Protein backbone atom coordinates (compact mmCIF):
# COMPACT_ATOMS: atom_id res chain seq x y z
CA MET A 1 -5.68 13.11 44.79
CA LYS A 2 -6.61 12.27 48.19
CA ILE A 3 -9.77 12.37 50.67
CA ILE A 4 -9.83 14.23 53.88
CA ASN A 5 -12.03 14.99 56.79
CA LEU A 6 -13.36 18.81 55.69
CA ALA A 7 -12.34 19.60 59.06
CA ALA A 8 -9.23 19.75 58.25
CA ALA A 9 -9.90 22.08 55.31
CA PRO A 10 -12.53 23.98 56.54
CA GLU A 11 -11.25 26.83 53.65
CA HIS A 12 -13.39 24.85 51.70
CA ILE A 13 -16.96 25.26 52.97
CA PRO A 14 -18.25 28.24 50.64
CA THR A 15 -17.39 26.54 47.51
CA ILE A 16 -18.97 23.69 48.84
CA ALA A 17 -22.01 25.24 49.52
CA ALA A 18 -22.26 27.10 46.29
CA TRP A 19 -21.75 23.63 44.69
CA HIS A 20 -24.58 21.71 46.95
CA GLN A 21 -27.17 24.92 46.57
CA ALA A 22 -26.80 24.77 42.78
CA GLN A 23 -26.89 20.96 42.69
CA TRP A 24 -29.59 20.48 45.50
CA GLY A 25 -31.31 23.74 46.37
CA TYR A 26 -34.47 22.61 44.96
CA LEU A 27 -34.87 19.96 47.76
CA ASN A 28 -34.93 22.87 50.15
CA PRO A 29 -36.85 25.74 48.73
CA GLY A 30 -36.11 28.95 50.88
CA GLY A 31 -32.53 27.66 51.46
CA THR A 32 -29.20 29.80 50.54
CA VAL A 33 -25.68 29.63 50.07
CA GLU A 34 -25.26 31.29 53.75
CA SER A 35 -27.47 28.78 55.46
CA ARG A 36 -25.66 25.70 54.16
CA ILE A 37 -22.37 27.41 55.39
CA GLU A 38 -23.78 27.66 58.40
CA ARG A 39 -25.21 23.84 58.76
CA MET A 40 -21.99 22.77 57.52
CA GLN A 41 -20.12 23.72 60.90
CA ARG A 42 -21.73 20.76 62.25
CA PHE A 43 -18.95 18.76 60.02
CA LEU A 44 -16.00 20.73 61.86
CA LYS A 45 -15.97 18.77 65.36
CA GLY A 46 -13.90 15.86 63.61
CA ALA A 47 -16.86 13.18 65.03
CA GLY A 48 -17.20 10.10 63.55
CA MET A 49 -20.68 11.19 62.73
CA PRO A 50 -21.85 13.54 61.14
CA ALA A 51 -18.30 13.62 58.86
CA MET A 52 -17.66 15.41 55.52
CA TYR A 53 -15.35 14.11 53.38
CA ILE A 54 -13.24 16.18 50.45
CA CYS A 55 -11.40 14.71 47.61
CA VAL A 56 -8.58 17.21 46.84
CA ASP A 57 -5.93 17.47 44.16
CA GLY A 58 -3.49 20.19 45.43
CA LYS A 59 -5.41 22.75 46.34
CA HIS A 60 -8.00 22.06 44.18
CA LEU A 61 -11.79 20.70 45.22
CA VAL A 62 -12.73 17.90 43.37
CA GLY A 63 -15.78 16.66 45.31
CA THR A 64 -17.68 15.79 48.83
CA ALA A 65 -19.45 12.87 50.06
CA ALA A 66 -20.95 12.99 53.73
CA LEU A 67 -21.37 10.69 56.62
CA VAL A 68 -25.16 11.53 58.22
CA GLU A 69 -27.69 10.51 60.75
CA SER A 70 -30.83 11.62 58.47
CA ASP A 71 -30.70 12.55 55.01
CA MET A 72 -34.33 12.09 53.71
CA ASP A 73 -37.08 13.57 56.36
CA SER A 74 -39.85 11.18 55.11
CA HIS A 75 -37.95 8.35 57.11
CA PRO A 76 -36.91 9.02 60.40
CA GLU A 77 -36.57 5.37 61.34
CA LEU A 78 -33.04 4.68 58.73
CA SER A 79 -30.02 5.70 59.66
CA PRO A 80 -26.81 6.59 58.88
CA TRP A 81 -26.79 7.77 55.11
CA LEU A 82 -24.63 9.00 52.69
CA ALA A 83 -25.35 12.28 51.66
CA SER A 84 -24.05 15.05 49.48
CA VAL A 85 -21.72 13.06 47.01
CA TYR A 86 -20.72 15.44 44.52
CA VAL A 87 -17.66 15.71 41.98
CA ASN A 88 -16.95 19.52 40.38
CA PRO A 89 -18.06 18.91 36.70
CA GLY A 90 -14.07 19.02 35.52
CA TYR A 91 -13.32 15.57 37.34
CA ARG A 92 -16.38 13.72 36.44
CA LYS A 93 -16.01 10.65 34.83
CA ARG A 94 -12.50 9.88 36.52
CA GLY A 95 -13.73 7.76 39.07
CA MET A 96 -13.65 10.37 42.02
CA GLY A 97 -17.40 9.76 42.99
CA ALA A 98 -16.77 5.76 43.60
CA ALA A 99 -14.15 6.54 45.22
CA LEU A 100 -15.68 9.11 47.24
CA VAL A 101 -18.60 6.66 47.86
CA ARG A 102 -16.02 3.83 48.71
CA TYR A 103 -14.31 6.27 51.14
CA VAL A 104 -17.47 7.14 53.19
CA VAL A 105 -18.63 3.17 52.90
CA SER A 106 -15.41 2.10 54.65
CA GLN A 107 -15.49 5.23 57.54
CA ALA A 108 -19.38 3.69 58.26
CA LYS A 109 -17.62 -0.15 58.37
CA THR A 110 -14.68 1.37 60.81
CA ASN A 111 -17.42 2.61 62.95
CA GLY A 112 -19.89 0.06 62.89
CA PHE A 113 -22.61 1.37 61.00
CA SER A 114 -24.61 -0.83 58.73
CA PRO A 115 -26.69 -0.76 57.05
CA LEU A 116 -26.08 2.55 55.09
CA TYR A 117 -28.60 4.45 53.32
CA LEU A 118 -28.89 6.68 50.74
CA PHE A 119 -31.75 8.51 48.13
CA THR A 120 -30.43 9.60 44.69
CA PRO A 121 -33.07 11.75 42.23
CA ASP A 122 -31.23 9.83 39.41
CA GLN A 123 -27.94 8.08 39.57
CA ALA A 124 -29.77 4.84 40.83
CA ARG A 125 -27.46 3.18 38.43
CA PHE A 126 -23.81 4.29 39.65
CA TYR A 127 -25.22 3.40 42.55
CA GLN A 128 -25.99 0.08 42.14
CA ASN A 129 -22.77 -0.71 40.37
CA LEU A 130 -21.20 -0.20 43.45
CA GLY A 131 -23.00 -2.70 45.12
CA TRP A 132 -26.31 -0.43 46.64
CA GLN A 133 -29.43 -2.23 46.71
CA PHE A 134 -32.73 -0.34 45.65
CA ILE A 135 -35.35 -0.44 48.50
CA ALA A 136 -38.29 2.02 46.59
CA HIS A 137 -38.84 4.34 44.37
CA GLU A 138 -40.60 7.19 46.25
CA SER A 139 -42.14 11.12 45.79
CA TYR A 140 -39.73 13.09 47.67
CA ARG A 141 -39.96 17.12 47.81
CA GLY A 142 -41.72 17.09 44.60
CA GLY A 143 -39.50 15.02 42.71
CA GLU A 144 -38.46 11.22 42.10
CA ALA A 145 -36.11 9.77 44.32
CA THR A 146 -34.72 6.25 44.68
CA LEU A 147 -33.92 5.31 48.28
CA MET A 148 -30.82 2.56 48.60
CA LYS A 149 -28.86 0.76 51.24
CA ILE A 150 -25.69 -1.20 51.76
CA ASP A 151 -24.51 -3.47 54.41
CA PRO A 152 -20.69 -2.58 54.80
CA LEU A 153 -20.34 -4.86 57.84
């Protein structure tokens, strides 16, 4: 398995958009797979940010993680963010999510981005185990979220 920039394999965008819509569509009412596909075009510029990284096993897509300028509109003062950490259910519990998170953190460090933020509705313990620090619990878009940060530098 290897982690690559989505810009090197854009053919995976429809699958990623469907995964992300199924997982987090409730955070963007009215959003569609098609609108996610359109927004993902920004990841194809090959820049340091925004960037999406994918884990692949041969031709099989395993998971995703992104480095973005903003991911929580209630905190425009915070940047950059780890976002879109997702692992195909058939590959979960094998360390792929942790590998993707560590990869994005390393990319943030390489680009001099620190601190790095994230929010999660339900995976705070996973991120704490990877060195992320709790900032706050907040109501966000009709649910609860944990805001966290890490200082990669």
